C-alpha atoms as a PDB file:
ATOM      1  CA  MET A   1      93.804 243.788 130.764  1.00  0.00           C
ATOM      2  CA  ILE A   2      97.002 242.758 132.115  1.00  0.00           C
ATOM      3  CA  LYS A   3      97.974 239.181 133.942  1.00  0.00           C
ATOM      4  CA  ASN A   4     101.297 238.893 132.270  1.00  0.00           C
ATOM      5  CA  GLU A   5     103.528 240.084 129.151  1.00  0.00           C
ATOM      6  CA  VAL A   6     102.416 237.595 126.943  1.00  0.00           C
ATOM      7  CA  SER A   7      99.250 237.467 127.396  1.00  0.00           C
ATOM      8  CA  LYS A   8      97.070 236.218 124.578  1.00  0.00           C
ATOM      9  CA  ALA A   9      93.631 237.413 124.652  1.00  0.00           C
ATOM     10  CA  ALA A  10      91.818 239.631 127.251  1.00  0.00           C
ATOM     11  CA  PRO A  11      89.849 237.951 129.680  1.00  0.00           C
ATOM     12  CA  SER A  12      85.661 238.407 129.749  1.00  0.00           C
ATOM     13  CA  LEU A  13      85.372 241.418 132.140  1.00  0.00           C
ATOM     14  CA  LYS A  14      84.898 240.269 135.717  1.00  0.00           C
ATOM     15  CA  SER A  15      81.562 241.201 137.803  1.00  0.00           C
ATOM     16  CA  LYS A  16      83.534 243.823 139.675  1.00  0.00           C
ATOM     17  CA  LYS A  17      86.456 246.132 138.186  1.00  0.00           C
ATOM     18  CA  ARG A  18      90.181 246.630 139.086  1.00  0.00           C
ATOM     19  CA  ILE A  19      91.728 249.652 138.754  1.00  0.00           C
ATOM     20  CA  LEU A  20      95.638 250.515 139.437  1.00  0.00           C
ATOM     21  CA  ILE A  21      96.367 253.892 140.092  1.00  0.00           C
ATOM     22  CA  THR A  22      99.855 254.733 139.947  1.00  0.00           C
ATOM     23  CA  GLN A  23     100.310 257.253 142.723  1.00  0.00           C
ATOM     24  CA  PRO A  24     100.239 256.593 146.986  1.00  0.00           C
ATOM     25  CA  ARG A  25      97.139 255.755 148.512  1.00  0.00           C
ATOM     26  CA  PRO A  26      95.070 258.647 149.560  1.00  0.00           C
ATOM     27  CA  GLU A  27      95.786 259.543 153.349  1.00  0.00           C
ATOM     28  CA  SER A  28      92.177 260.756 153.687  1.00  0.00           C
ATOM     29  CA  GLU A  29      89.464 258.320 153.700  1.00  0.00           C
ATOM     30  CA  LYS A  30      87.431 261.035 152.466  1.00  0.00           C
ATOM     31  CA  SER A  31      89.242 260.899 149.392  1.00  0.00           C
ATOM     32  CA  PRO A  32      86.889 261.320 146.334  1.00  0.00           C
ATOM     33  CA  TYR A  33      88.900 257.661 144.611  1.00  0.00           C
ATOM     34  CA  PHE A  34      87.260 256.016 147.740  1.00  0.00           C
ATOM     35  CA  ASP A  35      83.376 257.528 146.985  1.00  0.00           C
ATOM     36  CA  LEU A  36      84.402 256.254 143.429  1.00  0.00           C
ATOM     37  CA  GLY A  37      85.052 253.052 144.394  1.00  0.00           C
ATOM     38  CA  ARG A  38      81.870 252.472 146.224  1.00  0.00           C
ATOM     39  CA  LYS A  39      79.792 254.658 143.590  1.00  0.00           C
ATOM     40  CA  HIS A  40      80.649 251.802 140.815  1.00  0.00           C
ATOM     41  CA  ASN A  41      81.567 249.049 143.001  1.00  0.00           C
ATOM     42  CA  VAL A  42      85.229 248.781 141.893  1.00  0.00           C
ATOM     43  CA  ASP A  43      88.125 247.796 143.462  1.00  0.00           C
ATOM     44  CA  LEU A  44      91.023 250.822 143.391  1.00  0.00           C
ATOM     45  CA  ASP A  45      94.366 249.532 144.064  1.00  0.00           C
ATOM     46  CA  PHE A  46      97.637 252.290 144.803  1.00  0.00           C
ATOM     47  CA  GLN A  47     100.741 251.823 143.285  1.00  0.00           C
ATOM     48  CA  PRO A  48     103.236 254.817 142.334  1.00  0.00           C
ATOM     49  CA  PHE A  49     105.285 253.480 139.508  1.00  0.00           C
ATOM     50  CA  ILE A  50     108.038 256.192 139.937  1.00  0.00           C
ATOM     51  CA  ARG A  51     109.888 257.739 143.060  1.00  0.00           C
ATOM     52  CA  LEU A  52     111.334 261.248 143.184  1.00  0.00           C
ATOM     53  CA  GLU A  53     114.939 261.551 144.038  1.00  0.00           C
ATOM     54  CA  PRO A  54     116.376 264.686 145.524  1.00  0.00           C
ATOM     55  CA  ILE A  55     119.436 266.590 143.854  1.00  0.00           C
ATOM     56  CA  PRO A  56     121.530 267.739 146.517  1.00  0.00           C
ATOM     57  CA  ALA A  57     122.199 271.900 146.239  1.00  0.00           C
ATOM     58  CA  LYS A  58     125.887 270.782 146.113  1.00  0.00           C
ATOM     59  CA  ASP A  59     125.185 269.190 142.744  1.00  0.00           C
ATOM     60  CA  PHE A  60     122.651 271.465 142.119  1.00  0.00           C
ATOM     61  CA  ARG A  61     125.016 274.538 142.362  1.00  0.00           C
ATOM     62  CA  LYS A  62     127.049 273.083 139.322  1.00  0.00           C
ATOM     63  CA  GLN A  63     124.369 274.161 137.270  1.00  0.00           C
ATOM     64  CA  LYS A  64     125.699 277.826 137.642  1.00  0.00           C
ATOM     65  CA  ILE A  65     121.937 279.114 138.421  1.00  0.00           C
ATOM     66  CA  ASP A  66     121.046 282.418 140.090  1.00  0.00           C
ATOM     67  CA  VAL A  67     117.420 281.507 141.449  1.00  0.00           C
ATOM     68  CA  GLN A  68     117.232 285.463 142.976  1.00  0.00           C
ATOM     69  CA  ALA A  69     118.567 286.531 139.398  1.00  0.00           C
ATOM     70  CA  HIS A  70     114.994 285.098 138.001  1.00  0.00           C
ATOM     71  CA  SER A  71     111.335 286.841 138.987  1.00  0.00           C
ATOM     72  CA  ALA A  72     109.236 284.191 137.422  1.00  0.00           C
ATOM     73  CA  VAL A  73     109.265 280.460 138.289  1.00  0.00           C
ATOM     74  CA  ILE A  74     107.335 277.947 135.970  1.00  0.00           C
ATOM     75  CA  LEU A  75     105.889 275.153 137.966  1.00  0.00           C
ATOM     76  CA  THR A  76     103.612 271.751 136.674  1.00  0.00           C
ATOM     77  CA  SER A  77     103.516 269.816 139.538  1.00  0.00           C
ATOM     78  CA  ARG A  78     103.605 269.531 143.363  1.00  0.00           C
ATOM     79  CA  ASN A  79     106.613 267.970 143.575  1.00  0.00           C
ATOM     80  CA  ALA A  80     108.210 270.773 141.396  1.00  0.00           C
ATOM     81  CA  ILE A  81     107.034 273.584 144.508  1.00  0.00           C
ATOM     82  CA  ASP A  82     107.943 270.853 147.134  1.00  0.00           C
ATOM     83  CA  HIS A  83     111.665 270.583 145.690  1.00  0.00           C
ATOM     84  CA  PHE A  84     111.826 274.478 144.271  1.00  0.00           C
ATOM     85  CA  PHE A  85     111.476 275.047 148.380  1.00  0.00           C
ATOM     86  CA  ARG A  86     113.727 272.622 149.575  1.00  0.00           C
ATOM     87  CA  MET A  87     116.504 273.684 147.262  1.00  0.00           C
ATOM     88  CA  CYS A  88     116.100 277.607 148.560  1.00  0.00           C
ATOM     89  CA  GLU A  89     116.076 276.377 152.345  1.00  0.00           C
ATOM     90  CA  GLU A  90     119.003 274.307 151.394  1.00  0.00           C
ATOM     91  CA  MET A  91     121.202 277.282 149.635  1.00  0.00           C
ATOM     92  CA  ARG A  92     119.535 279.668 152.515  1.00  0.00           C
ATOM     93  CA  ILE A  93     117.964 281.589 149.471  1.00  0.00           C
ATOM     94  CA  SER A  94     115.737 284.291 150.812  1.00  0.00           C
ATOM     95  CA  VAL A  95     112.580 284.031 147.832  1.00  0.00           C
ATOM     96  CA  SER A  96     111.766 287.585 146.774  1.00  0.00           C
ATOM     97  CA  GLN A  97     107.939 288.276 148.107  1.00  0.00           C
ATOM     98  CA  ASP A  98     107.398 289.937 144.244  1.00  0.00           C
ATOM     99  CA  THR A  99     108.311 286.774 142.428  1.00  0.00           C
ATOM    100  CA  LYS A 100     106.081 285.356 140.050  1.00  0.00           C
ATOM    101  CA  TYR A 101     104.547 281.555 139.896  1.00  0.00           C
ATOM    102  CA  PHE A 102     102.786 280.604 136.848  1.00  0.00           C
ATOM    103  CA  CYS A 103     101.426 276.810 137.371  1.00  0.00           C
ATOM    104  CA  ILE A 104      99.616 274.319 135.183  1.00  0.00           C
ATOM    105  CA  THR A 105      96.675 273.979 136.892  1.00  0.00           C
ATOM    106  CA  GLU A 106      95.110 275.557 139.475  1.00  0.00           C
ATOM    107  CA  ALA A 107      95.691 272.617 141.851  1.00  0.00           C
ATOM    108  CA  VAL A 108      99.293 273.280 141.914  1.00  0.00           C
ATOM    109  CA  ALA A 109      98.907 277.062 142.397  1.00  0.00           C
ATOM    110  CA  LEU A 110      96.852 276.817 145.266  1.00  0.00           C
ATOM    111  CA  TYR A 111      99.399 274.248 146.741  1.00  0.00           C
ATOM    112  CA  LEU A 112     101.563 277.353 146.924  1.00  0.00           C
ATOM    113  CA  GLN A 113     100.090 278.115 150.005  1.00  0.00           C
ATOM    114  CA  LYS A 114     102.094 275.600 151.572  1.00  0.00           C
ATOM    115  CA  PHE A 115     105.128 278.014 151.526  1.00  0.00           C
ATOM    116  CA  ILE A 116     103.865 281.217 150.346  1.00  0.00           C
ATOM    117  CA  LEU A 117     101.274 283.773 151.247  1.00  0.00           C
ATOM    118  CA  TYR A 118      98.825 283.434 148.177  1.00  0.00           C
ATOM    119  CA  ARG A 119      98.120 286.214 146.033  1.00  0.00           C
ATOM    120  CA  LYS A 120      96.287 285.980 142.872  1.00  0.00           C
ATOM    121  CA  ARG A 121      98.455 289.294 141.991  1.00  0.00           C
ATOM    122  CA  LYS A 122     101.513 287.099 141.629  1.00  0.00           C
ATOM    123  CA  VAL A 123     100.164 283.440 141.258  1.00  0.00           C
ATOM    124  CA  PHE A 124      98.871 282.658 137.828  1.00  0.00           C
ATOM    125  CA  TYR A 125      98.026 279.004 135.869  1.00  0.00           C
ATOM    126  CA  GLY A 126      96.449 277.803 133.118  1.00  0.00           C
ATOM    127  CA  ALA A 127      92.771 277.278 132.370  1.00  0.00           C
ATOM    128  CA  ASP A 128      92.362 273.762 131.213  1.00  0.00           C
ATOM    129  CA  GLY A 129      95.998 271.378 132.484  1.00  0.00           C
ATOM    130  CA  THR A 130      97.197 272.572 128.977  1.00  0.00           C
ATOM    131  CA  ASN A 131     100.490 273.656 127.767  1.00  0.00           C
ATOM    132  CA  LYS A 132      98.743 275.682 125.216  1.00  0.00           C
ATOM    133  CA  SER A 133      96.683 277.114 128.518  1.00  0.00           C
ATOM    134  CA  LEU A 134     100.014 277.871 130.575  1.00  0.00           C
ATOM    135  CA  PHE A 135     101.877 279.341 127.307  1.00  0.00           C
ATOM    136  CA  ASP A 136      98.666 281.778 127.022  1.00  0.00           C
ATOM    137  CA  VAL A 137      98.961 282.883 130.404  1.00  0.00           C
ATOM    138  CA  ILE A 138     102.905 283.096 130.046  1.00  0.00           C
ATOM    139  CA  ASN A 139     102.802 285.296 126.887  1.00  0.00           C
ATOM    140  CA  LYS A 140     101.088 288.002 128.808  1.00  0.00           C
ATOM    141  CA  HIS A 141     104.006 288.207 130.724  1.00  0.00           C
ATOM    142  CA  LYS A 142     106.438 286.933 128.841  1.00  0.00           C
ATOM    143  CA  SER A 143     108.617 290.401 128.131  1.00  0.00           C
ATOM    144  CA  ASN A 144     108.740 291.564 131.524  1.00  0.00           C
ATOM    145  CA  GLU A 145     109.654 288.257 133.039  1.00  0.00           C
ATOM    146  CA  ARG A 146     112.959 286.085 133.732  1.00  0.00           C
ATOM    147  CA  PHE A 147     111.372 282.584 134.164  1.00  0.00           C
ATOM    148  CA  LEU A 148     113.046 279.558 135.862  1.00  0.00           C
ATOM    149  CA  TYR A 149     111.462 276.454 134.849  1.00  0.00           C
ATOM    150  CA  VAL A 150     111.677 273.765 137.498  1.00  0.00           C
ATOM    151  CA  CYS A 151     111.778 270.036 136.696  1.00  0.00           C
ATOM    152  CA  SER A 152     113.452 266.773 136.774  1.00  0.00           C
ATOM    153  CA  GLU A 153     116.712 266.301 135.417  1.00  0.00           C
ATOM    154  CA  ASN A 154     115.068 263.427 132.808  1.00  0.00           C
ATOM    155  CA  GLN A 155     111.841 264.420 132.326  1.00  0.00           C
ATOM    156  CA  GLN A 156     112.016 267.918 131.822  1.00  0.00           C
ATOM    157  CA  ASP A 157     108.654 268.780 129.176  1.00  0.00           C
ATOM    158  CA  SER A 158     110.493 269.805 125.563  1.00  0.00           C
ATOM    159  CA  ASP A 159     107.271 271.479 124.505  1.00  0.00           C
ATOM    160  CA  ILE A 160     107.635 273.865 127.238  1.00  0.00           C
ATOM    161  CA  THR A 161     111.137 274.247 126.470  1.00  0.00           C
ATOM    162  CA  GLY A 162     110.478 274.761 123.067  1.00  0.00           C
ATOM    163  CA  TRP A 163     107.685 276.987 122.970  1.00  0.00           C
ATOM    164  CA  LEU A 164     109.857 279.259 125.787  1.00  0.00           C
ATOM    165  CA  LYS A 165     113.032 279.362 123.305  1.00  0.00           C
ATOM    166  CA  SER A 166     110.636 279.307 119.974  1.00  0.00           C
ATOM    167  CA  ASN A 167     108.910 282.552 121.961  1.00  0.00           C
ATOM    168  CA  ALA A 168     112.298 284.739 122.657  1.00  0.00           C
ATOM    169  CA  CYS A 169     111.496 284.432 126.556  1.00  0.00           C
ATOM    170  CA  ASP A 170     114.165 284.440 129.176  1.00  0.00           C
ATOM    171  CA  PHE A 171     114.608 281.431 131.089  1.00  0.00           C
ATOM    172  CA  SER A 172     116.938 279.031 132.965  1.00  0.00           C
ATOM    173  CA  LEU A 173     116.059 275.282 133.133  1.00  0.00           C
ATOM    174  CA  ALA A 174     116.504 274.319 136.894  1.00  0.00           C
ATOM    175  CA  PHE A 175     116.929 270.583 137.489  1.00  0.00           C
ATOM    176  CA  MET A 176     116.210 269.874 141.242  1.00  0.00           C
ATOM    177  CA  TYR A 177     115.119 266.168 140.908  1.00  0.00           C
ATOM    178  CA  ARG A 178     115.298 263.367 139.085  1.00  0.00           C
ATOM    179  CA  THR A 179     112.787 260.573 138.611  1.00  0.00           C
ATOM    180  CA  ALA A 180     113.361 256.543 139.368  1.00  0.00           C
ATOM    181  CA  SER A 181     111.395 254.032 138.466  1.00  0.00           C
ATOM    182  CA  ASN A 182     110.055 251.749 141.167  1.00  0.00           C
ATOM    183  CA  ASP A 183     109.805 247.868 140.700  1.00  0.00           C
ATOM    184  CA  VAL A 184     106.271 247.240 140.342  1.00  0.00           C
ATOM    185  CA  ALA A 185     106.696 243.786 137.769  1.00  0.00           C
ATOM    186  CA  ASP A 186     105.566 241.414 140.204  1.00  0.00           C
ATOM    187  CA  ILE A 187     101.948 243.314 140.592  1.00  0.00           C
ATOM    188  CA  LEU A 188     101.630 243.524 136.948  1.00  0.00           C
ATOM    189  CA  SER A 189     102.392 239.960 136.453  1.00  0.00           C
ATOM    190  CA  SER A 190     100.159 238.764 139.175  1.00  0.00           C
ATOM    191  CA  ILE A 191      96.630 240.905 139.130  1.00  0.00           C
ATOM    192  CA  GLU A 192      94.568 241.334 136.270  1.00  0.00           C
ATOM    193  CA  TYR A 193      93.688 245.076 136.098  1.00  0.00           C
ATOM    194  CA  ASP A 194      90.905 246.590 133.643  1.00  0.00           C
ATOM    195  CA  VAL A 195      92.248 250.247 134.233  1.00  0.00           C
ATOM    196  CA  ILE A 196      95.601 251.832 134.591  1.00  0.00           C
ATOM    197  CA  CYS A 197      95.938 255.388 135.057  1.00  0.00           C
ATOM    198  CA  PHE A 198      98.733 257.163 134.870  1.00  0.00           C
ATOM    199  CA  PHE A 199     100.109 260.610 135.665  1.00  0.00           C
ATOM    200  CA  THR A 200     103.504 261.366 134.666  1.00  0.00           C
ATOM    201  CA  PRO A 201     105.154 260.546 131.259  1.00  0.00           C
ATOM    202  CA  SER A 202     107.685 258.751 133.918  1.00  0.00           C
ATOM    203  CA  GLY A 203     104.985 256.323 135.093  1.00  0.00           C
ATOM    204  CA  VAL A 204     104.405 255.262 131.712  1.00  0.00           C
ATOM    205  CA  LYS A 205     108.383 254.393 130.603  1.00  0.00           C
ATOM    206  CA  SER A 206     108.140 252.885 134.222  1.00  0.00           C
ATOM    207  CA  LEU A 207     105.552 250.391 133.025  1.00  0.00           C
ATOM    208  CA  PHE A 208     107.720 249.359 130.222  1.00  0.00           C
ATOM    209  CA  ASP A 209     110.820 249.209 132.428  1.00  0.00           C
ATOM    210  CA  ASN A 210     108.930 246.758 134.815  1.00  0.00           C
ATOM    211  CA  VAL A 211     107.284 244.467 131.742  1.00  0.00           C
ATOM    212  CA  PRO A 212     109.420 245.331 128.237  1.00  0.00           C
ATOM    213  CA  LYS A 213     107.021 243.418 126.354  1.00  0.00           C
ATOM    214  CA  PHE A 214     103.707 244.937 127.480  1.00  0.00           C
ATOM    215  CA  LYS A 215     101.052 244.461 125.754  1.00  0.00           C
ATOM    216  CA  GLN A 216      97.682 246.426 126.275  1.00  0.00           C
ATOM    217  CA  ASN A 217      95.258 243.342 125.735  1.00  0.00           C
ATOM    218  CA  GLY A 218      92.261 245.588 126.469  1.00  0.00           C
ATOM    219  CA  THR A 219      93.015 246.934 129.526  1.00  0.00           C
ATOM    220  CA  ALA A 220      92.019 250.870 129.429  1.00  0.00           C
ATOM    221  CA  ILE A 221      94.414 253.848 129.693  1.00  0.00           C
ATOM    222  CA  GLY A 222      93.947 256.576 131.865  1.00  0.00           C
ATOM    223  CA  ALA A 223      96.326 259.792 131.479  1.00  0.00           C
ATOM    224  CA  PHE A 224      96.387 262.837 133.610  1.00  0.00           C
ATOM    225  CA  GLY A 225      97.566 265.893 131.465  1.00  0.00           C
ATOM    226  CA  SER A 226      98.851 266.447 127.818  1.00  0.00           C
ATOM    227  CA  ASN A 227     102.492 265.575 128.520  1.00  0.00           C
ATOM    228  CA  THR A 228     101.211 262.020 129.779  1.00  0.00           C
ATOM    229  CA  PHE A 229      98.616 261.944 126.927  1.00  0.00           C
ATOM    230  CA  LYS A 230     101.616 262.347 124.216  1.00  0.00           C
ATOM    231  CA  ALA A 231     103.639 259.327 126.536  1.00  0.00           C
ATOM    232  CA  VAL A 232     101.041 257.099 126.083  1.00  0.00           C
ATOM    233  CA  GLU A 233     100.259 257.309 122.490  1.00  0.00           C
ATOM    234  CA  GLU A 234     104.079 257.470 121.869  1.00  0.00           C
ATOM    235  CA  ALA A 235     104.428 253.710 123.607  1.00  0.00           C
ATOM    236  CA  GLY A 236     101.918 252.553 121.049  1.00  0.00           C
ATOM    237  CA  LEU A 237      98.974 252.522 123.745  1.00  0.00           C
ATOM    238  CA  GLU A 238      95.093 253.335 123.132  1.00  0.00           C
ATOM    239  CA  LEU A 239      94.043 256.055 125.310  1.00  0.00           C
ATOM    240  CA  SER A 240      90.741 255.685 126.711  1.00  0.00           C
ATOM    241  CA  ILE A 241      90.412 258.177 129.469  1.00  0.00           C
ATOM    242  CA  LYS A 242      91.889 261.852 129.539  1.00  0.00           C
ATOM    243  CA  ALA A 243      91.881 264.383 132.310  1.00  0.00           C
ATOM    244  CA  PRO A 244      91.742 267.315 132.470  1.00  0.00           C
ATOM    245  CA  LEU A 245      89.253 268.333 130.367  1.00  0.00           C
ATOM    246  CA  PRO A 246      86.823 271.341 130.823  1.00  0.00           C
ATOM    247  CA  GLN A 247      84.019 268.557 131.146  1.00  0.00           C
ATOM    248  CA  PHE A 248      86.660 266.349 133.930  1.00  0.00           C
ATOM    249  CA  PRO A 249      88.523 268.295 135.541  1.00  0.00           C
ATOM    250  CA  SER A 250      89.859 265.749 137.545  1.00  0.00           C
ATOM    251  CA  MET A 251      91.120 261.949 136.933  1.00  0.00           C
ATOM    252  CA  VAL A 252      88.359 260.830 139.166  1.00  0.00           C
ATOM    253  CA  ALA A 253      85.667 263.139 137.209  1.00  0.00           C
ATOM    254  CA  ALA A 254      87.376 261.242 134.117  1.00  0.00           C
ATOM    255  CA  LEU A 255      86.894 257.561 135.573  1.00  0.00           C
ATOM    256  CA  ASP A 256      83.471 258.100 136.963  1.00  0.00           C
ATOM    257  CA  GLN A 257      81.840 259.194 132.935  1.00  0.00           C
ATOM    258  CA  PHE A 258      84.248 256.154 131.636  1.00  0.00           C
ATOM    259  CA  LEU A 259      82.973 253.520 134.203  1.00  0.00           C
ATOM    260  CA  ALA A 260      79.237 254.977 133.830  1.00  0.00           C
ATOM    261  CA  SER A 261      79.374 254.358 129.728  1.00  0.00           C
ATOM    262  CA  THR A 262      80.643 250.949 130.603  1.00  0.00           C
ATOM    263  CA  VAL A 263      77.655 250.293 132.613  1.00  0.00           C
ATOM    264  CA  LYS A 264      75.904 251.735 129.887  1.00  0.00           C
ATOM    265  CA  LYS A 265      77.181 249.419 126.578  1.00  0.00           C
ATOM    266  CA  LYS A 266      76.133 246.171 128.552  1.00  0.00           C
END
């Protein structure tokens, strides 16, 4: 649990656990997070650890990328989708109806409906949210497509770029936004959390930007996505909650199982 960066020992568990979700609070009160809180009688706090800053079109042009010369787009988050279509609008680029989209999860793929007429024959996604499942899908089409990988300027996935290179894929990196750490030091130093859930490697980086001497001290760490798993482990933290997995397709499902098993152990 977190009290401050030099806490000597984890305090005993409170009767009511407190969980920090490092994302904005859901707009709808029907969010499954709130159902989870009521089910397990836990307090849920929502605080984004990072913010996204758009790269202006005038700066993107310096990358000298011809978006329309690419027949397929790789998207690993809803943010990537938002910024891809934002950039196209700013640059007055008309995206071909034949463009194919390769997404990390079905949830990300379905978000495309906000911008395009969703047709399964041009939208593809990994089976379980892992990079490997995304690679399996891309591998079936790599010989016929020129890929545009939309990512953050300071958070592109080296596993994805490495795979694209080693598998001789024709691709370009398109930096359309960048991440920056939010100031959350006061929250981390003033509130004790039993669980902290991360959703991006940048979120993990923000933790140490805010609390450089952070010690886990019994706090359970949750992570969403293989890249976030890796960031947590490389930071020297013990990872207790993982999603998505076949049995836990969402962070809510993984938290549900974790909280249920914690009660059973008492």
